[in-house]
Each structure stands twice: as C-alpha cells, then as structure tokens.
Amino acid sequence: MESSEPRPERTLLLIFAALALLVFLTPFLSPPGTITGLGGGTGTIDDGDTWEGLDPLSSLVYQAGDLLCHQKEERSLFLNGNQMPVCARDAGLFLGVPLGFLALLLVPYRAPLWAIVALGAPTVIDGGVQLLTDYESTNLIRLVTGTAAGAGLALLMMYFYDSMALRMDRRGGAGRNRRS
C-alpha cells in the first residue's frame, strides 16, 4: 500500500524545475546582447563588474553561475542574444535533473545503478577526452550529455533515498517501502 505522504520526487521536481527556469529565463530579463564575454575559473566570482546594473534576480543567478561554472563564452549557449549564466554542459545538467524527476513520477520503475552510471558516462567521456586531447566538443553535444547526466543525477538521488528508506524499514524506523 502506497503511503499518503507526498513523494519526494514531486518536491524535488518543483525545486529543480524552478532552478532550471531561472537559468534558462534569466537571459531574457536583460536587453539583447548585454551579457557576453563571460569566462573565468570555477569557484570564483570573476565577472562581478558585469552584474552591476542588472536587476537583483539576474545578478544573483549570474553570480551563482559565475561561482559554479567556468562560463567560457565559446562553451556557452546564448538566449535573447545574452550568454547563459552557465555553460552548455551545466545548462544540460539543470535541464536533465527535473526531467529525471519527471520520468520517475511518470514511470513506476527504479533504474539499476548500472543504468544510472550509463547516463553519466557520456559526459565523463566527452569531458575527459576534451580535457586530455585536442578534441573540442560542440555545445550541442555538451547540452545533450549534460542533460543525460542530469537525469542520471536525479535517478541517483532517488536510488540513495530508496536505499536509506529500505534500511530504516528493516530497522523498524520511520522509512517506508517505495513502490512495491
């Protein structure tokens, strides 16, 4: 018997869909062509001057992107003539995570760990080959592999959630069986 409590997939879908919407819609909040030439290192805010004059929401989203992503212009997508707050691969991750949670809501199936790893493998291969050789991936490939990895990340989160819930059930804890 299914619990009447809301499933975490719904909440996580809403959270990650909101984040994806922010990433994909923020370039439309500024006039076309005003946000370009971003780039730098991950883990630092190195494009701070760019955010001056933006509305507070756009400034926050672009600063978060600056901190979390290299934002290299040549590896980024442009919407409304503006560079996105994150690179193409990270945009795919932001897109893939809510798609993964949506799939979990629509299909009552839990993927085995090997299938989850397989979703992330193209990103690791593409990024690794690009890092170690002269190969330069395309933004379309980065977006597609990032989306697959994002979906795999959602499946991985629920894989760990289900594992913890099962352990709690076995110990007589507050956990519950998932989709029996």
Protein backbone atom coordinates (compact mmCIF):
# COMPACT_ATOMS: atom_id res chain seq x y z
CA MET A 1 0.00 0.00 0.00
CA GLU A 2 1.39 3.38 -1.03
CA SER A 3 1.86 5.98 1.67
CA SER A 4 -0.40 9.05 1.57
CA GLU A 5 2.63 11.27 2.24
CA PRO A 6 3.81 13.23 -0.78
CA ARG A 7 6.60 11.51 -2.65
CA PRO A 8 9.91 13.37 -2.59
CA GLU A 9 10.09 13.25 -6.39
CA ARG A 10 7.34 15.87 -6.65
CA THR A 11 9.04 18.29 -4.30
CA LEU A 12 12.42 17.74 -5.91
CA LEU A 13 10.90 18.15 -9.38
CA LEU A 14 9.44 21.52 -8.37
CA ILE A 15 12.70 22.73 -6.81
CA PHE A 16 14.90 21.69 -9.72
CA ALA A 17 12.39 22.86 -12.34
CA ALA A 18 12.38 26.29 -10.67
CA LEU A 19 16.19 26.36 -10.78
CA ALA A 20 16.18 25.32 -14.45
CA LEU A 21 13.64 28.02 -15.27
CA LEU A 22 15.84 30.62 -13.58
CA VAL A 23 18.87 29.51 -15.58
CA PHE A 24 17.02 29.45 -18.91
CA LEU A 25 14.84 32.55 -18.46
CA THR A 26 17.32 34.96 -16.85
CA PRO A 27 18.96 35.87 -20.22
CA PHE A 28 15.55 37.24 -21.28
CA LEU A 29 15.43 39.70 -18.37
CA SER A 30 18.18 41.88 -19.87
CA PRO A 31 18.22 43.67 -23.22
CA PRO A 32 19.60 41.51 -26.06
CA GLY A 33 23.36 41.46 -26.36
CA THR A 34 24.13 42.99 -22.97
CA ILE A 35 25.61 39.90 -21.30
CA THR A 36 28.50 38.47 -23.33
CA GLY A 37 32.17 37.72 -22.90
CA LEU A 38 31.82 35.84 -19.63
CA GLY A 39 34.51 33.41 -18.61
CA GLY A 40 36.95 32.58 -15.90
CA GLY A 41 37.56 29.98 -13.28
CA THR A 42 35.16 27.82 -11.37
CA GLY A 43 34.84 28.63 -7.68
CA THR A 44 35.44 32.35 -8.02
CA ILE A 45 33.35 35.34 -8.96
CA ASP A 46 35.47 36.91 -11.65
CA ASP A 47 32.86 38.70 -13.77
CA GLY A 48 31.49 40.87 -10.94
CA ASP A 49 31.51 44.10 -12.96
CA THR A 50 29.11 42.52 -15.44
CA TRP A 51 26.38 42.14 -12.82
CA GLU A 52 26.29 45.83 -11.90
CA GLY A 53 23.15 47.35 -13.31
CA LEU A 54 21.28 44.06 -13.63
CA ASP A 55 18.07 43.52 -11.72
CA PRO A 56 18.65 41.72 -8.36
CA LEU A 57 17.35 38.33 -9.57
CA SER A 58 19.51 38.33 -12.71
CA SER A 59 22.51 39.48 -10.71
CA LEU A 60 22.01 36.63 -8.22
CA VAL A 61 21.60 33.97 -10.93
CA TYR A 62 24.62 35.17 -12.92
CA GLN A 63 26.77 35.42 -9.77
CA ALA A 64 25.79 31.87 -8.78
CA GLY A 65 26.67 30.76 -12.31
CA ASP A 66 29.99 32.59 -12.07
CA LEU A 67 30.79 30.78 -8.84
CA LEU A 68 29.70 27.31 -10.02
CA CYS A 69 30.81 27.35 -13.68
CA HIS A 70 33.70 28.49 -15.86
CA GLN A 71 31.18 30.32 -18.10
CA LYS A 72 33.54 30.23 -21.09
CA GLU A 73 31.80 32.12 -23.86
CA GLU A 74 32.72 29.59 -26.55
CA ARG A 75 31.23 26.78 -24.45
CA SER A 76 28.02 28.61 -23.59
CA LEU A 77 24.61 28.94 -25.18
CA PHE A 78 23.06 32.32 -25.96
CA LEU A 79 19.40 33.15 -25.43
CA ASN A 80 17.96 36.54 -26.33
CA GLY A 81 21.45 37.46 -27.53
CA ASN A 82 22.76 37.02 -23.98
CA GLN A 83 25.17 34.42 -22.69
CA MET A 84 23.50 31.98 -20.31
CA PRO A 85 24.58 32.03 -16.65
CA VAL A 86 26.25 28.61 -17.05
CA CYS A 87 27.99 26.71 -19.86
CA ALA A 88 26.15 24.36 -22.22
CA ARG A 89 27.04 21.22 -20.23
CA ASP A 90 25.84 22.77 -16.96
CA ALA A 91 22.69 24.04 -18.70
CA GLY A 92 22.08 20.42 -19.69
CA LEU A 93 22.52 19.34 -16.08
CA PHE A 94 19.98 21.96 -14.96
CA LEU A 95 17.58 20.69 -17.62
CA GLY A 96 18.19 16.99 -17.02
CA VAL A 97 17.62 16.85 -13.27
CA PRO A 98 13.95 17.93 -13.41
CA LEU A 99 13.44 15.70 -16.46
CA GLY A 100 14.80 12.78 -14.42
CA PHE A 101 12.39 13.50 -11.56
CA LEU A 102 9.52 13.86 -14.03
CA ALA A 103 10.40 10.46 -15.50
CA LEU A 104 10.37 8.96 -12.00
CA LEU A 105 6.88 10.32 -11.44
CA LEU A 106 5.58 9.03 -14.77
CA VAL A 107 7.22 5.60 -14.79
CA PRO A 108 6.95 3.46 -11.63
CA TYR A 109 10.39 1.97 -12.09
CA ARG A 110 13.67 2.37 -10.29
CA ALA A 111 16.71 2.20 -12.53
CA PRO A 112 19.54 -0.12 -11.51
CA LEU A 113 22.82 1.50 -10.57
CA TRP A 114 24.48 0.44 -13.84
CA ALA A 115 21.84 2.34 -15.84
CA ILE A 116 22.36 5.45 -13.73
CA VAL A 117 26.11 5.27 -14.33
CA ALA A 118 25.44 4.81 -18.06
CA LEU A 119 23.55 8.11 -18.13
CA GLY A 120 26.58 9.94 -16.74
CA ALA A 121 29.19 8.12 -18.81
CA PRO A 122 28.82 10.21 -21.99
CA THR A 123 29.53 13.40 -20.03
CA VAL A 124 32.60 11.88 -18.40
CA ILE A 125 33.86 10.53 -21.72
CA ASP A 126 33.19 13.74 -23.67
CA GLY A 127 34.67 15.99 -20.99
CA GLY A 128 37.59 13.66 -20.31
CA VAL A 129 38.57 13.29 -23.96
CA GLN A 130 38.29 17.04 -24.38
CA LEU A 131 40.49 17.62 -21.34
CA LEU A 132 43.17 15.11 -22.35
CA THR A 133 43.34 15.65 -26.13
CA ASP A 134 42.96 18.33 -28.77
CA TYR A 135 39.33 17.27 -29.33
CA GLU A 136 36.85 20.11 -28.87
CA SER A 137 33.27 19.10 -28.23
CA THR A 138 30.30 21.08 -29.55
CA ASN A 139 27.77 22.91 -27.46
CA LEU A 140 25.03 20.59 -28.71
CA ILE A 141 26.99 17.53 -27.53
CA ARG A 142 27.70 19.27 -24.21
CA LEU A 143 24.00 20.09 -23.78
CA VAL A 144 22.84 16.56 -24.65
CA THR A 145 25.42 14.76 -22.49
CA GLY A 146 24.77 17.20 -19.65
CA THR A 147 21.03 16.55 -19.88
CA ALA A 148 21.61 12.78 -19.71
CA ALA A 149 23.92 13.22 -16.71
CA GLY A 150 21.36 15.47 -15.03
CA ALA A 151 18.65 12.84 -15.45
CA GLY A 152 21.07 10.27 -14.06
CA LEU A 153 21.73 12.54 -11.08
CA ALA A 154 18.01 12.65 -10.29
CA LEU A 155 17.82 8.86 -10.53
CA LEU A 156 20.89 8.59 -8.30
CA MET A 157 19.33 10.84 -5.65
CA MET A 158 16.25 8.62 -5.52
CA TYR A 159 18.40 5.48 -5.57
CA PHE A 160 20.09 6.67 -2.37
CA TYR A 161 16.79 7.82 -0.89
CA ASP A 162 15.23 4.42 -1.54
CA SER A 163 18.27 2.64 -0.07
CA MET A 164 18.06 4.71 3.10
CA ALA A 165 14.29 4.23 3.38
CA LEU A 166 14.69 0.47 2.98
CA ARG A 167 17.35 0.36 5.71
CA MET A 168 15.10 2.32 8.03
CA ASP A 169 12.22 -0.07 7.30
CA ARG A 170 14.43 -3.05 8.13
CA ARG A 171 15.44 -1.42 11.41
CA GLY A 172 11.86 -0.55 12.26
CA GLY A 173 12.44 3.15 11.62
CA ALA A 174 10.29 5.80 10.07
CA GLY A 175 11.19 4.82 6.50
CA ARG A 176 8.72 3.27 4.10
CA ASN A 177 8.95 0.86 1.21
CA ARG A 178 9.00 2.51 -2.16
CA ARG A 179 6.73 1.38 -4.99
CA SER A 180 6.31 -2.23 -4.07
